[in-house]
Amino acid sequence: MGHYRGVSTQTTERPDVNTDERTDDDTPKVFHYVRKSKVAESAVMGTHVVALCGVVFAVTKSPKPDSPVCADCKKVYDGLAPGGS
């Protein structure tokens, strides 16, 4: 940890992140929850969105009604207050 005029910094290691989130046919293994207002922009412009679980990606596919959902996103979503606040 370093100090400079009352400011401190700390380096922490990031745990390994599994980036293999697609199947052989390029369909995501699971679909993530993201802000609805960001989905269209990401799909059209290619900008990245941040899922409730923290995964960052560009929207490329639309989920079907029976699509598997990211368990971590679902946990966060279930813990949110009604109304999306």
C-alpha atoms as a PDB file:
ATOM      1  CA  MET A   1       0.000   0.000   0.000  1.00  0.00           C
ATOM      2  CA  GLY A   2       1.419   3.409  -0.972  1.00  0.00           C
ATOM      3  CA  HIS A   3       0.731   6.791   0.600  1.00  0.00           C
ATOM      4  CA  TYR A   4       0.931  10.254  -0.935  1.00  0.00           C
ATOM      5  CA  ARG A   5      -0.260  13.339   0.932  1.00  0.00           C
ATOM      6  CA  GLY A   6      -3.075  11.600   2.766  1.00  0.00           C
ATOM      7  CA  VAL A   7      -4.132   9.495  -0.226  1.00  0.00           C
ATOM      8  CA  SER A   8      -3.576   5.773  -0.126  1.00  0.00           C
ATOM      9  CA  THR A   9      -3.757   3.163  -2.831  1.00  0.00           C
ATOM     10  CA  GLN A  10      -4.130  -0.544  -2.578  1.00  0.00           C
ATOM     11  CA  THR A  11      -3.717  -3.207  -5.226  1.00  0.00           C
ATOM     12  CA  THR A  12      -5.990  -6.196  -5.038  1.00  0.00           C
ATOM     13  CA  GLU A  13      -5.924  -9.233  -7.241  1.00  0.00           C
ATOM     14  CA  ARG A  14      -8.924  -9.843  -9.420  1.00  0.00           C
ATOM     15  CA  PRO A  15     -10.157 -13.427  -9.308  1.00  0.00           C
ATOM     16  CA  ASP A  16     -10.078 -15.429 -12.512  1.00  0.00           C
ATOM     17  CA  VAL A  17     -13.002 -14.574 -14.741  1.00  0.00           C
ATOM     18  CA  ASN A  18     -14.545 -17.133 -17.049  1.00  0.00           C
ATOM     19  CA  THR A  19     -14.826 -15.444 -20.435  1.00  0.00           C
ATOM     20  CA  ASP A  20     -16.094 -18.552 -22.241  1.00  0.00           C
ATOM     21  CA  GLU A  21     -19.779 -17.655 -22.136  1.00  0.00           C
ATOM     22  CA  ARG A  22     -20.802 -18.878 -25.586  1.00  0.00           C
ATOM     23  CA  THR A  23     -21.732 -22.227 -27.024  1.00  0.00           C
ATOM     24  CA  ASP A  24     -20.319 -23.707 -30.237  1.00  0.00           C
ATOM     25  CA  ASP A  25     -23.027 -21.998 -32.339  1.00  0.00           C
ATOM     26  CA  ASP A  26     -22.235 -18.537 -30.838  1.00  0.00           C
ATOM     27  CA  THR A  27     -25.354 -18.521 -28.661  1.00  0.00           C
ATOM     28  CA  PRO A  28     -24.677 -17.329 -25.102  1.00  0.00           C
ATOM     29  CA  LYS A  29     -24.775 -20.103 -22.484  1.00  0.00           C
ATOM     30  CA  VAL A  30     -26.867 -17.818 -20.275  1.00  0.00           C
ATOM     31  CA  PHE A  31     -28.493 -14.439 -20.718  1.00  0.00           C
ATOM     32  CA  HIS A  32     -27.733 -11.592 -18.334  1.00  0.00           C
ATOM     33  CA  TYR A  33     -29.981  -8.884 -16.883  1.00  0.00           C
ATOM     34  CA  VAL A  34     -29.056  -5.365 -18.025  1.00  0.00           C
ATOM     35  CA  ARG A  35     -30.803  -1.978 -17.972  1.00  0.00           C
ATOM     36  CA  LYS A  36     -33.531  -2.024 -20.595  1.00  0.00           C
ATOM     37  CA  SER A  37     -32.577   1.466 -21.753  1.00  0.00           C
ATOM     38  CA  LYS A  38     -29.082   0.259 -22.710  1.00  0.00           C
ATOM     39  CA  VAL A  39     -30.028  -2.851 -24.743  1.00  0.00           C
ATOM     40  CA  ALA A  40     -31.009  -1.129 -28.019  1.00  0.00           C
ATOM     41  CA  GLU A  41     -27.997   1.191 -27.941  1.00  0.00           C
ATOM     42  CA  SER A  42     -25.666  -1.745 -27.419  1.00  0.00           C
ATOM     43  CA  ALA A  43     -27.282  -3.811 -30.168  1.00  0.00           C
ATOM     44  CA  VAL A  44     -27.152  -0.963 -32.707  1.00  0.00           C
ATOM     45  CA  MET A  45     -23.949   0.863 -31.767  1.00  0.00           C
ATOM     46  CA  GLY A  46     -21.960  -2.036 -30.360  1.00  0.00           C
ATOM     47  CA  THR A  47     -21.386  -0.300 -27.041  1.00  0.00           C
ATOM     48  CA  HIS A  48     -20.875  -2.476 -23.997  1.00  0.00           C
ATOM     49  CA  VAL A  49     -23.382  -2.952 -21.199  1.00  0.00           C
ATOM     50  CA  VAL A  50     -22.787  -4.037 -17.611  1.00  0.00           C
ATOM     51  CA  ALA A  51     -24.987  -6.876 -16.365  1.00  0.00           C
ATOM     52  CA  LEU A  52     -26.293  -6.957 -12.803  1.00  0.00           C
ATOM     53  CA  CYS A  53     -23.668  -9.621 -12.056  1.00  0.00           C
ATOM     54  CA  GLY A  54     -20.855  -7.381 -13.344  1.00  0.00           C
ATOM     55  CA  VAL A  55     -20.202  -9.058 -16.708  1.00  0.00           C
ATOM     56  CA  VAL A  56     -19.422  -6.506 -19.422  1.00  0.00           C
ATOM     57  CA  PHE A  57     -20.425  -7.333 -23.012  1.00  0.00           C
ATOM     58  CA  ALA A  58     -22.027  -6.046 -26.204  1.00  0.00           C
ATOM     59  CA  VAL A  59     -25.597  -7.173 -26.831  1.00  0.00           C
ATOM     60  CA  THR A  60     -25.661  -9.491 -29.853  1.00  0.00           C
ATOM     61  CA  LYS A  61     -28.625 -11.825 -29.261  1.00  0.00           C
ATOM     62  CA  SER A  62     -32.170 -11.542 -27.932  1.00  0.00           C
ATOM     63  CA  PRO A  63     -33.235 -14.155 -25.405  1.00  0.00           C
ATOM     64  CA  LYS A  64     -36.156 -16.445 -26.124  1.00  0.00           C
ATOM     65  CA  PRO A  65     -38.751 -17.014 -23.371  1.00  0.00           C
ATOM     66  CA  ASP A  66     -37.140 -20.308 -22.277  1.00  0.00           C
ATOM     67  CA  SER A  67     -33.528 -19.053 -22.383  1.00  0.00           C
ATOM     68  CA  PRO A  68     -31.317 -19.795 -19.356  1.00  0.00           C
ATOM     69  CA  VAL A  69     -30.666 -16.783 -17.097  1.00  0.00           C
ATOM     70  CA  CYS A  70     -27.425 -16.013 -15.269  1.00  0.00           C
ATOM     71  CA  ALA A  71     -27.898 -17.177 -11.665  1.00  0.00           C
ATOM     72  CA  ASP A  72     -25.917 -14.233 -10.256  1.00  0.00           C
ATOM     73  CA  CYS A  73     -27.996 -11.706 -12.228  1.00  0.00           C
ATOM     74  CA  LYS A  74     -31.188 -13.372 -10.977  1.00  0.00           C
ATOM     75  CA  LYS A  75     -30.008 -13.139  -7.345  1.00  0.00           C
ATOM     76  CA  VAL A  76     -29.292  -9.428  -7.714  1.00  0.00           C
ATOM     77  CA  TYR A  77     -32.561  -8.801  -9.570  1.00  0.00           C
ATOM     78  CA  ASP A  78     -34.596 -10.640  -6.936  1.00  0.00           C
ATOM     79  CA  GLY A  79     -32.994  -8.429  -4.266  1.00  0.00           C
ATOM     80  CA  LEU A  80     -33.918  -5.158  -5.989  1.00  0.00           C
ATOM     81  CA  ALA A  81     -36.794  -3.029  -4.806  1.00  0.00           C
ATOM     82  CA  PRO A  82     -39.943  -3.203  -6.944  1.00  0.00           C
ATOM     83  CA  GLY A  83     -39.942  -0.592  -9.682  1.00  0.00           C
ATOM     84  CA  GLY A  84     -36.300  -1.061 -10.701  1.00  0.00           C
ATOM     85  CA  SER A  85     -34.766   1.533  -8.393  1.00  0.00           C
END
